[in-house]
Amino acid sequence: MSCWFVQTAVFLLCCLATVSLYAAEPEEQPSSPELEIQIIFDNTSAREDLRRGWGFSALIDFRGHRILFDSGSDPILLLEHLELMQIDPKSIEHAIISHEHGDHLRGVYWVFEKNPDLKVHFLDCFQEEAFRRAKGVQMEPHRITGPFELTPGIFSTGIVEGLPSEQSLVIETSIGPVMLVGCSHPGIVKLVKTVQEQRQQDSIRYLLGGFHLLRTDPEKIKQTINQLQELNVQSVSPAHCSGDLAIEMFQALYGAQFHEPGVGRRNVIDNGQMTFSTLPVKEQPAVK
């Protein structure tokens, strides 16, 4: 066998070994945060391309599950925001509606039409019109009465009596409970106390949603804030029906633990840290 042949064979084997070595190294994939909450619908907006609307909706990503909490008053605007934020309705596993008012309920029917596999959860005490409309789009909502676990680590309070009655969500994270409320018709303090009693918690790490303090006098707002602080609600984002005055007072009394709401705002818990940001405008793919 010639020396040239042996040298060539050795060279080729070395090349193959090098290629195999690099091919075997997987590309590092960015890890998902423990919890991500994106505000999809709100009375205020943090981005020029996302419009304001009366109502509330937030998207939750937690432990591999994607949940829509409430769905705003304007279905077209809700779907527009989902598209601009590059959220595929078919990626949403559950939709849970806090109460029967249209500014929280109306969008869910349209999301269901985009994603017929969506699991929808209504309180059993919703007016029959909500269920009739669901039947019209061939939706069969799960009727909620008492507390239940929606997905691992995410719990509904079940029916909390009020005008109207309402449910809230609590997410049990590594740094403490995160709580979402829709409009707080039973009272924001009552809802927090309900969560703490049900989940045997003595604090709420973060509270987001409508606090129902619009047109409430300043003394009552201050009393509510004091009660929440006594209940060890550590940080807040009063949105939707909280009212401008209440939002200003929460900001003054909570200081650095007050976080601006608004469409396009994002809350992330990862590696034991909680951060807040505004989602960047993403370049949209060209329409073909």
C-alpha atoms as a PDB file:
ATOM      1  CA  MET A   1       0.000   0.000   0.000  1.00  0.00           C
ATOM      2  CA  SER A   2       1.457   3.380  -0.998  1.00  0.00           C
ATOM      3  CA  CYS A   3       2.401   5.990   1.550  1.00  0.00           C
ATOM      4  CA  TRP A   4       0.198   8.499  -0.286  1.00  0.00           C
ATOM      5  CA  PHE A   5      -2.866   6.265   0.104  1.00  0.00           C
ATOM      6  CA  VAL A   6      -2.302   5.802   3.856  1.00  0.00           C
ATOM      7  CA  GLN A   7      -1.828   9.542   4.418  1.00  0.00           C
ATOM      8  CA  THR A   8      -5.002  10.335   2.470  1.00  0.00           C
ATOM      9  CA  ALA A   9      -7.045   7.772   4.430  1.00  0.00           C
ATOM     10  CA  VAL A  10      -5.807   9.128   7.766  1.00  0.00           C
ATOM     11  CA  PHE A  11      -6.623  12.683   6.671  1.00  0.00           C
ATOM     12  CA  LEU A  12     -10.187  11.724   5.660  1.00  0.00           C
ATOM     13  CA  LEU A  13     -10.792   9.866   8.929  1.00  0.00           C
ATOM     14  CA  CYS A  14      -9.644  12.920  10.910  1.00  0.00           C
ATOM     15  CA  CYS A  15     -12.009  15.135   8.910  1.00  0.00           C
ATOM     16  CA  LEU A  16     -14.954  12.801   9.526  1.00  0.00           C
ATOM     17  CA  ALA A  17     -14.185  12.648  13.246  1.00  0.00           C
ATOM     18  CA  THR A  18     -14.048  16.446  13.453  1.00  0.00           C
ATOM     19  CA  VAL A  19     -17.357  16.831  11.588  1.00  0.00           C
ATOM     20  CA  SER A  20     -19.006  14.222  13.831  1.00  0.00           C
ATOM     21  CA  LEU A  21     -17.714  15.957  16.954  1.00  0.00           C
ATOM     22  CA  TYR A  22     -19.197  19.321  15.995  1.00  0.00           C
ATOM     23  CA  ALA A  23     -22.406  17.801  14.642  1.00  0.00           C
ATOM     24  CA  ALA A  24     -22.957  16.058  17.965  1.00  0.00           C
ATOM     25  CA  GLU A  25     -22.951  19.341  19.873  1.00  0.00           C
ATOM     26  CA  PRO A  26     -26.586  20.542  20.115  1.00  0.00           C
ATOM     27  CA  GLU A  27     -27.332  24.221  19.759  1.00  0.00           C
ATOM     28  CA  GLU A  28     -28.148  25.903  23.045  1.00  0.00           C
ATOM     29  CA  GLN A  29     -31.831  26.798  23.168  1.00  0.00           C
ATOM     30  CA  PRO A  30     -32.929  29.785  25.285  1.00  0.00           C
ATOM     31  CA  SER A  31     -34.748  28.455  28.334  1.00  0.00           C
ATOM     32  CA  SER A  32     -38.292  29.618  29.033  1.00  0.00           C
ATOM     33  CA  PRO A  33     -38.834  31.702  32.169  1.00  0.00           C
ATOM     34  CA  GLU A  34     -40.732  30.174  35.075  1.00  0.00           C
ATOM     35  CA  LEU A  35     -43.652  32.572  34.522  1.00  0.00           C
ATOM     36  CA  GLU A  36     -44.495  35.112  31.838  1.00  0.00           C
ATOM     37  CA  ILE A  37     -47.584  37.336  31.867  1.00  0.00           C
ATOM     38  CA  GLN A  38     -48.384  39.608  28.913  1.00  0.00           C
ATOM     39  CA  ILE A  39     -51.184  42.185  29.036  1.00  0.00           C
ATOM     40  CA  ILE A  40     -53.221  41.789  25.846  1.00  0.00           C
ATOM     41  CA  PHE A  41     -56.141  44.165  26.508  1.00  0.00           C
ATOM     42  CA  ASP A  42     -56.399  47.149  28.865  1.00  0.00           C
ATOM     43  CA  ASN A  43     -57.588  50.754  29.162  1.00  0.00           C
ATOM     44  CA  THR A  44     -54.020  51.984  28.657  1.00  0.00           C
ATOM     45  CA  SER A  45     -51.296  50.955  26.243  1.00  0.00           C
ATOM     46  CA  ALA A  46     -47.519  50.825  26.578  1.00  0.00           C
ATOM     47  CA  ARG A  47     -46.938  50.681  22.802  1.00  0.00           C
ATOM     48  CA  GLU A  48     -48.077  52.962  19.994  1.00  0.00           C
ATOM     49  CA  ASP A  49     -49.121  50.067  17.749  1.00  0.00           C
ATOM     50  CA  LEU A  50     -51.335  48.490  20.434  1.00  0.00           C
ATOM     51  CA  ARG A  51     -54.607  50.335  20.944  1.00  0.00           C
ATOM     52  CA  ARG A  52     -56.450  50.958  24.180  1.00  0.00           C
ATOM     53  CA  GLY A  53     -59.821  49.358  24.834  1.00  0.00           C
ATOM     54  CA  TRP A  54     -62.227  49.159  27.753  1.00  0.00           C
ATOM     55  CA  GLY A  55     -61.712  45.794  29.427  1.00  0.00           C
ATOM     56  CA  PHE A  56     -58.940  43.446  30.418  1.00  0.00           C
ATOM     57  CA  SER A  57     -57.104  40.374  29.152  1.00  0.00           C
ATOM     58  CA  ALA A  58     -53.775  38.787  30.055  1.00  0.00           C
ATOM     59  CA  LEU A  59     -51.860  35.829  28.661  1.00  0.00           C
ATOM     60  CA  ILE A  60     -50.126  33.499  31.129  1.00  0.00           C
ATOM     61  CA  ASP A  61     -47.294  31.104  30.272  1.00  0.00           C
ATOM     62  CA  PHE A  62     -46.469  28.803  33.194  1.00  0.00           C
ATOM     63  CA  ARG A  63     -44.903  25.347  33.309  1.00  0.00           C
ATOM     64  CA  GLY A  64     -45.594  24.620  29.658  1.00  0.00           C
ATOM     65  CA  HIS A  65     -49.230  25.767  29.725  1.00  0.00           C
ATOM     66  CA  ARG A  66     -50.673  28.862  28.039  1.00  0.00           C
ATOM     67  CA  ILE A  67     -53.806  30.427  29.547  1.00  0.00           C
ATOM     68  CA  LEU A  68     -55.887  33.435  28.495  1.00  0.00           C
ATOM     69  CA  PHE A  69     -57.354  35.222  31.522  1.00  0.00           C
ATOM     70  CA  ASP A  70     -60.343  37.315  30.398  1.00  0.00           C
ATOM     71  CA  SER A  71     -60.773  38.466  26.808  1.00  0.00           C
ATOM     72  CA  GLY A  72     -61.636  42.169  26.608  1.00  0.00           C
ATOM     73  CA  SER A  73     -64.651  43.953  25.147  1.00  0.00           C
ATOM     74  CA  ASP A  74     -63.649  44.139  21.475  1.00  0.00           C
ATOM     75  CA  PRO A  75     -62.969  40.808  19.729  1.00  0.00           C
ATOM     76  CA  ILE A  76     -61.427  42.453  16.662  1.00  0.00           C
ATOM     77  CA  LEU A  77     -59.041  44.492  18.808  1.00  0.00           C
ATOM     78  CA  LEU A  78     -58.143  41.420  20.873  1.00  0.00           C
ATOM     79  CA  LEU A  79     -57.269  39.396  17.765  1.00  0.00           C
ATOM     80  CA  GLU A  80     -55.358  42.370  16.348  1.00  0.00           C
ATOM     81  CA  HIS A  81     -53.241  42.516  19.502  1.00  0.00           C
ATOM     82  CA  LEU A  82     -52.605  38.776  19.423  1.00  0.00           C
ATOM     83  CA  GLU A  83     -51.354  39.122  15.849  1.00  0.00           C
ATOM     84  CA  LEU A  84     -49.165  42.166  16.589  1.00  0.00           C
ATOM     85  CA  MET A  85     -47.689  40.395  19.616  1.00  0.00           C
ATOM     86  CA  GLN A  86     -47.165  37.263  17.463  1.00  0.00           C
ATOM     87  CA  ILE A  87     -49.349  35.046  19.629  1.00  0.00           C
ATOM     88  CA  ASP A  88     -51.098  32.256  17.736  1.00  0.00           C
ATOM     89  CA  PRO A  89     -54.628  31.694  19.145  1.00  0.00           C
ATOM     90  CA  LYS A  90     -54.096  27.972  18.497  1.00  0.00           C
ATOM     91  CA  SER A  91     -51.237  28.003  21.020  1.00  0.00           C
ATOM     92  CA  ILE A  92     -53.635  28.915  23.854  1.00  0.00           C
ATOM     93  CA  GLU A  93     -54.713  25.882  25.863  1.00  0.00           C
ATOM     94  CA  HIS A  94     -57.231  27.393  28.313  1.00  0.00           C
ATOM     95  CA  ALA A  95     -59.366  30.534  28.523  1.00  0.00           C
ATOM     96  CA  ILE A  96     -60.819  31.388  31.924  1.00  0.00           C
ATOM     97  CA  ILE A  97     -63.248  34.284  32.363  1.00  0.00           C
ATOM     98  CA  SER A  98     -63.441  36.124  35.678  1.00  0.00           C
ATOM     99  CA  HIS A  99     -67.079  37.230  35.389  1.00  0.00           C
ATOM    100  CA  GLU A 100     -69.893  37.675  32.909  1.00  0.00           C
ATOM    101  CA  HIS A 101     -69.532  41.351  31.940  1.00  0.00           C
ATOM    102  CA  GLY A 102     -68.868  41.895  28.246  1.00  0.00           C
ATOM    103  CA  ASP A 103     -65.620  43.811  28.745  1.00  0.00           C
ATOM    104  CA  HIS A 104     -64.075  40.578  30.045  1.00  0.00           C
ATOM    105  CA  LEU A 105     -66.142  37.967  28.195  1.00  0.00           C
ATOM    106  CA  ARG A 106     -66.827  39.154  24.650  1.00  0.00           C
ATOM    107  CA  GLY A 107     -63.532  38.258  22.965  1.00  0.00           C
ATOM    108  CA  VAL A 108     -63.423  34.610  24.031  1.00  0.00           C
ATOM    109  CA  TYR A 109     -66.003  33.478  21.462  1.00  0.00           C
ATOM    110  CA  TRP A 110     -63.844  34.771  18.609  1.00  0.00           C
ATOM    111  CA  VAL A 111     -60.694  33.198  20.041  1.00  0.00           C
ATOM    112  CA  PHE A 112     -62.594  29.903  20.231  1.00  0.00           C
ATOM    113  CA  GLU A 113     -63.580  30.204  16.560  1.00  0.00           C
ATOM    114  CA  LYS A 114     -59.860  30.514  15.741  1.00  0.00           C
ATOM    115  CA  ASN A 115     -59.026  27.612  18.082  1.00  0.00           C
ATOM    116  CA  PRO A 116     -61.856  25.061  18.515  1.00  0.00           C
ATOM    117  CA  ASP A 117     -59.602  22.998  20.821  1.00  0.00           C
ATOM    118  CA  LEU A 118     -59.580  25.818  23.387  1.00  0.00           C
ATOM    119  CA  LYS A 119     -60.797  24.723  26.840  1.00  0.00           C
ATOM    120  CA  VAL A 120     -63.066  27.503  28.127  1.00  0.00           C
ATOM    121  CA  HIS A 121     -64.041  27.987  31.774  1.00  0.00           C
ATOM    122  CA  PHE A 122     -67.088  30.019  32.919  1.00  0.00           C
ATOM    123  CA  LEU A 123     -68.533  30.411  36.390  1.00  0.00           C
ATOM    124  CA  ASP A 124     -71.685  28.343  36.756  1.00  0.00           C
ATOM    125  CA  CYS A 125     -73.546  31.492  37.851  1.00  0.00           C
ATOM    126  CA  PHE A 126     -73.038  33.328  34.528  1.00  0.00           C
ATOM    127  CA  GLN A 127     -76.301  34.464  32.941  1.00  0.00           C
ATOM    128  CA  GLU A 128     -77.736  32.004  30.435  1.00  0.00           C
ATOM    129  CA  GLU A 129     -77.010  34.400  27.561  1.00  0.00           C
ATOM    130  CA  ALA A 130     -73.288  33.637  27.949  1.00  0.00           C
ATOM    131  CA  PHE A 131     -73.969  29.905  27.600  1.00  0.00           C
ATOM    132  CA  ARG A 132     -76.433  30.402  24.696  1.00  0.00           C
ATOM    133  CA  ARG A 133     -73.822  32.341  22.781  1.00  0.00           C
ATOM    134  CA  ALA A 134     -71.254  29.634  23.556  1.00  0.00           C
ATOM    135  CA  LYS A 135     -73.624  27.038  22.133  1.00  0.00           C
ATOM    136  CA  GLY A 136     -73.937  29.155  18.984  1.00  0.00           C
ATOM    137  CA  VAL A 137     -70.214  28.663  18.254  1.00  0.00           C
ATOM    138  CA  GLN A 138     -70.311  25.018  19.437  1.00  0.00           C
ATOM    139  CA  MET A 139     -68.390  25.835  22.610  1.00  0.00           C
ATOM    140  CA  GLU A 140     -69.097  23.818  25.754  1.00  0.00           C
ATOM    141  CA  PRO A 141     -67.609  25.771  28.662  1.00  0.00           C
ATOM    142  CA  HIS A 142     -66.555  24.021  31.844  1.00  0.00           C
ATOM    143  CA  ARG A 143     -68.865  25.323  34.593  1.00  0.00           C
ATOM    144  CA  ILE A 144     -66.950  26.376  37.706  1.00  0.00           C
ATOM    145  CA  THR A 145     -68.454  26.449  41.176  1.00  0.00           C
ATOM    146  CA  GLY A 146     -65.784  25.866  43.809  1.00  0.00           C
ATOM    147  CA  PRO A 147     -61.998  26.260  43.855  1.00  0.00           C
ATOM    148  CA  PHE A 148     -60.082  24.058  41.423  1.00  0.00           C
ATOM    149  CA  GLU A 149     -56.643  23.592  39.878  1.00  0.00           C
ATOM    150  CA  LEU A 150     -56.668  24.752  36.260  1.00  0.00           C
ATOM    151  CA  THR A 151     -53.160  23.519  35.408  1.00  0.00           C
ATOM    152  CA  PRO A 152     -50.351  22.452  37.768  1.00  0.00           C
ATOM    153  CA  GLY A 153     -49.708  25.407  40.076  1.00  0.00           C
ATOM    154  CA  ILE A 154     -52.557  27.629  38.780  1.00  0.00           C
ATOM    155  CA  PHE A 155     -55.727  27.753  40.872  1.00  0.00           C
ATOM    156  CA  SER A 156     -59.150  29.381  40.521  1.00  0.00           C
ATOM    157  CA  THR A 157     -60.925  30.672  43.609  1.00  0.00           C
ATOM    158  CA  GLY A 158     -64.229  29.442  42.226  1.00  0.00           C
ATOM    159  CA  ILE A 159     -67.268  31.643  42.822  1.00  0.00           C
ATOM    160  CA  VAL A 160     -66.645  34.593  45.151  1.00  0.00           C
ATOM    161  CA  GLU A 161     -69.988  36.244  45.888  1.00  0.00           C
ATOM    162  CA  GLY A 162     -70.499  39.773  44.598  1.00  0.00           C
ATOM    163  CA  LEU A 163     -72.511  41.894  42.156  1.00  0.00           C
ATOM    164  CA  PRO A 164     -71.716  40.092  39.973  1.00  0.00           C
ATOM    165  CA  SER A 165     -69.879  37.146  41.470  1.00  0.00           C
ATOM    166  CA  GLU A 166     -66.346  36.643  40.239  1.00  0.00           C
ATOM    167  CA  GLN A 167     -63.345  34.320  40.252  1.00  0.00           C
ATOM    168  CA  SER A 168     -59.650  35.133  40.499  1.00  0.00           C
ATOM    169  CA  LEU A 169     -56.515  33.182  39.609  1.00  0.00           C
ATOM    170  CA  VAL A 170     -53.478  32.502  41.758  1.00  0.00           C
ATOM    171  CA  ILE A 171     -50.185  31.165  40.382  1.00  0.00           C
ATOM    172  CA  GLU A 172     -47.885  29.530  42.912  1.00  0.00           C
ATOM    173  CA  THR A 173     -44.360  30.531  41.849  1.00  0.00           C
ATOM    174  CA  SER A 174     -40.965  29.982  43.433  1.00  0.00           C
ATOM    175  CA  ILE A 175     -40.985  33.514  44.879  1.00  0.00           C
ATOM    176  CA  GLY A 176     -44.584  33.503  46.121  1.00  0.00           C
ATOM    177  CA  PRO A 177     -48.173  33.678  44.865  1.00  0.00           C
ATOM    178  CA  VAL A 178     -49.016  35.830  41.845  1.00  0.00           C
ATOM    179  CA  MET A 179     -52.685  36.832  41.683  1.00  0.00           C
ATOM    180  CA  LEU A 180     -54.804  38.011  38.734  1.00  0.00           C
ATOM    181  CA  VAL A 181     -58.176  39.702  39.128  1.00  0.00           C
ATOM    182  CA  GLY A 182     -60.671  40.764  36.484  1.00  0.00           C
ATOM    183  CA  CYS A 183     -62.782  43.603  37.874  1.00  0.00           C
ATOM    184  CA  SER A 184     -62.938  42.871  41.629  1.00  0.00           C
ATOM    185  CA  HIS A 185     -66.702  43.346  41.946  1.00  0.00           C
ATOM    186  CA  PRO A 186     -66.762  41.407  45.248  1.00  0.00           C
ATOM    187  CA  GLY A 187     -64.037  43.796  46.495  1.00  0.00           C
ATOM    188  CA  ILE A 188     -60.299  43.547  45.940  1.00  0.00           C
ATOM    189  CA  VAL A 189     -59.613  43.025  49.664  1.00  0.00           C
ATOM    190  CA  LYS A 190     -62.192  40.226  49.815  1.00  0.00           C
ATOM    191  CA  LEU A 191     -60.631  38.507  46.796  1.00  0.00           C
ATOM    192  CA  VAL A 192     -57.130  38.673  48.300  1.00  0.00           C
ATOM    193  CA  LYS A 193     -58.387  37.306  51.627  1.00  0.00           C
ATOM    194  CA  THR A 194     -60.163  34.482  49.777  1.00  0.00           C
ATOM    195  CA  VAL A 195     -56.963  33.459  47.984  1.00  0.00           C
ATOM    196  CA  GLN A 196     -54.913  33.596  51.171  1.00  0.00           C
ATOM    197  CA  GLU A 197     -57.441  31.468  53.050  1.00  0.00           C
ATOM    198  CA  GLN A 198     -57.857  28.919  50.254  1.00  0.00           C
ATOM    199  CA  ARG A 199     -54.150  28.562  49.507  1.00  0.00           C
ATOM    200  CA  GLN A 200     -52.995  29.045  53.129  1.00  0.00           C
ATOM    201  CA  GLN A 201     -50.757  31.946  52.162  1.00  0.00           C
ATOM    202  CA  ASP A 202     -49.842  34.957  54.292  1.00  0.00           C
ATOM    203  CA  SER A 203     -48.691  37.147  51.395  1.00  0.00           C
ATOM    204  CA  ILE A 204     -49.247  37.906  47.712  1.00  0.00           C
ATOM    205  CA  ARG A 205     -46.045  38.536  45.783  1.00  0.00           C
ATOM    206  CA  TYR A 206     -47.739  40.387  42.914  1.00  0.00           C
ATOM    207  CA  LEU A 207     -51.319  41.508  42.214  1.00  0.00           C
ATOM    208  CA  LEU A 208     -52.474  42.433  38.691  1.00  0.00           C
ATOM    209  CA  GLY A 209     -55.818  43.424  37.199  1.00  0.00           C
ATOM    210  CA  GLY A 210     -58.852  45.636  37.709  1.00  0.00           C
ATOM    211  CA  PHE A 211     -59.313  46.752  41.324  1.00  0.00           C
ATOM    212  CA  HIS A 212     -62.761  48.378  40.778  1.00  0.00           C
ATOM    213  CA  LEU A 213     -61.897  51.683  42.455  1.00  0.00           C
ATOM    214  CA  LEU A 214     -63.084  53.989  39.661  1.00  0.00           C
ATOM    215  CA  ARG A 215     -65.247  56.791  41.105  1.00  0.00           C
ATOM    216  CA  THR A 216     -64.198  55.827  44.647  1.00  0.00           C
ATOM    217  CA  ASP A 217     -63.400  58.665  47.062  1.00  0.00           C
ATOM    218  CA  PRO A 218     -59.740  59.172  48.057  1.00  0.00           C
ATOM    219  CA  GLU A 219     -60.229  58.150  51.691  1.00  0.00           C
ATOM    220  CA  LYS A 220     -61.757  54.819  50.681  1.00  0.00           C
ATOM    221  CA  ILE A 221     -58.936  54.226  48.189  1.00  0.00           C
ATOM    222  CA  LYS A 222     -56.330  54.940  50.864  1.00  0.00           C
ATOM    223  CA  GLN A 223     -58.103  52.571  53.253  1.00  0.00           C
ATOM    224  CA  THR A 224     -58.088  49.846  50.576  1.00  0.00           C
ATOM    225  CA  ILE A 225     -54.371  50.333  49.908  1.00  0.00           C
ATOM    226  CA  ASN A 226     -53.623  50.154  53.640  1.00  0.00           C
ATOM    227  CA  GLN A 227     -55.620  46.918  53.924  1.00  0.00           C
ATOM    228  CA  LEU A 228     -53.762  45.355  51.002  1.00  0.00           C
ATOM    229  CA  GLN A 229     -50.437  46.313  52.556  1.00  0.00           C
ATOM    230  CA  GLU A 230     -51.549  44.817  55.881  1.00  0.00           C
ATOM    231  CA  LEU A 231     -52.359  41.609  53.972  1.00  0.00           C
ATOM    232  CA  ASN A 232     -48.756  41.703  52.697  1.00  0.00           C
ATOM    233  CA  VAL A 233     -49.577  42.331  49.045  1.00  0.00           C
ATOM    234  CA  GLN A 234     -46.015  43.153  48.046  1.00  0.00           C
ATOM    235  CA  SER A 235     -46.286  44.628  44.539  1.00  0.00           C
ATOM    236  CA  VAL A 236     -49.167  45.783  42.350  1.00  0.00           C
ATOM    237  CA  SER A 237     -50.285  46.693  38.843  1.00  0.00           C
ATOM    238  CA  PRO A 238     -53.772  48.252  39.139  1.00  0.00           C
ATOM    239  CA  ALA A 239     -55.295  48.157  35.648  1.00  0.00           C
ATOM    240  CA  HIS A 240     -58.608  48.542  33.797  1.00  0.00           C
ATOM    241  CA  CYS A 241     -61.347  49.709  36.219  1.00  0.00           C
ATOM    242  CA  SER A 242     -58.963  50.785  38.981  1.00  0.00           C
ATOM    243  CA  GLY A 243     -59.317  54.457  37.987  1.00  0.00           C
ATOM    244  CA  ASP A 244     -56.711  57.160  37.431  1.00  0.00           C
ATOM    245  CA  LEU A 245     -56.875  58.496  40.990  1.00  0.00           C
ATOM    246  CA  ALA A 246     -56.436  55.049  42.528  1.00  0.00           C
ATOM    247  CA  ILE A 247     -53.537  54.280  40.177  1.00  0.00           C
ATOM    248  CA  GLU A 248     -51.824  57.530  41.238  1.00  0.00           C
ATOM    249  CA  MET A 249     -52.348  56.713  44.920  1.00  0.00           C
ATOM    250  CA  PHE A 250     -51.063  53.142  44.536  1.00  0.00           C
ATOM    251  CA  GLN A 251     -47.994  54.538  42.792  1.00  0.00           C
ATOM    252  CA  ALA A 252     -47.399  57.033  45.613  1.00  0.00           C
ATOM    253  CA  LEU A 253     -47.873  54.517  48.444  1.00  0.00           C
ATOM    254  CA  TYR A 254     -46.221  51.475  46.838  1.00  0.00           C
ATOM    255  CA  GLY A 255     -43.289  53.349  45.316  1.00  0.00           C
ATOM    256  CA  ALA A 256     -40.878  51.001  43.542  1.00  0.00           C
ATOM    257  CA  GLN A 257     -43.308  48.106  44.074  1.00  0.00           C
ATOM    258  CA  PHE A 258     -45.886  49.776  41.810  1.00  0.00           C
ATOM    259  CA  HIS A 259     -45.657  48.602  38.187  1.00  0.00           C
ATOM    260  CA  GLU A 260     -47.344  50.290  35.238  1.00  0.00           C
ATOM    261  CA  PRO A 261     -50.127  48.301  33.555  1.00  0.00           C
ATOM    262  CA  GLY A 262     -51.058  48.655  29.876  1.00  0.00           C
ATOM    263  CA  VAL A 263     -51.270  46.603  26.700  1.00  0.00           C
ATOM    264  CA  GLY A 264     -47.834  45.282  25.778  1.00  0.00           C
ATOM    265  CA  ARG A 265     -46.515  45.185  29.333  1.00  0.00           C
ATOM    266  CA  ARG A 266     -44.728  41.982  30.353  1.00  0.00           C
ATOM    267  CA  ASN A 267     -44.001  40.449  33.759  1.00  0.00           C
ATOM    268  CA  VAL A 268     -41.416  37.661  33.999  1.00  0.00           C
ATOM    269  CA  ILE A 269     -40.309  35.519  36.925  1.00  0.00           C
ATOM    270  CA  ASP A 270     -37.077  33.664  36.258  1.00  0.00           C
ATOM    271  CA  ASN A 271     -34.219  32.436  38.445  1.00  0.00           C
ATOM    272  CA  GLY A 272     -35.919  33.814  41.540  1.00  0.00           C
ATOM    273  CA  GLN A 273     -36.221  37.345  40.105  1.00  0.00           C
ATOM    274  CA  MET A 274     -39.287  39.293  38.944  1.00  0.00           C
ATOM    275  CA  THR A 275     -38.834  41.800  36.123  1.00  0.00           C
ATOM    276  CA  PHE A 276     -41.142  44.124  34.205  1.00  0.00           C
ATOM    277  CA  SER A 277     -40.733  45.426  30.677  1.00  0.00           C
ATOM    278  CA  THR A 278     -42.591  46.603  27.601  1.00  0.00           C
ATOM    279  CA  LEU A 279     -42.649  44.072  24.802  1.00  0.00           C
ATOM    280  CA  PRO A 280     -40.690  45.348  21.792  1.00  0.00           C
ATOM    281  CA  VAL A 281     -42.439  45.870  18.478  1.00  0.00           C
ATOM    282  CA  LYS A 282     -41.723  42.765  16.444  1.00  0.00           C
ATOM    283  CA  GLU A 283     -41.202  42.873  12.703  1.00  0.00           C
ATOM    284  CA  GLN A 284     -44.211  41.313  11.050  1.00  0.00           C
ATOM    285  CA  PRO A 285     -43.737  38.803   8.218  1.00  0.00           C
ATOM    286  CA  ALA A 286     -44.608  40.095   4.763  1.00  0.00           C
ATOM    287  CA  VAL A 287     -48.150  39.245   3.672  1.00  0.00           C
ATOM    288  CA  LYS A 288     -48.077  36.947   0.652  1.00  0.00           C
END
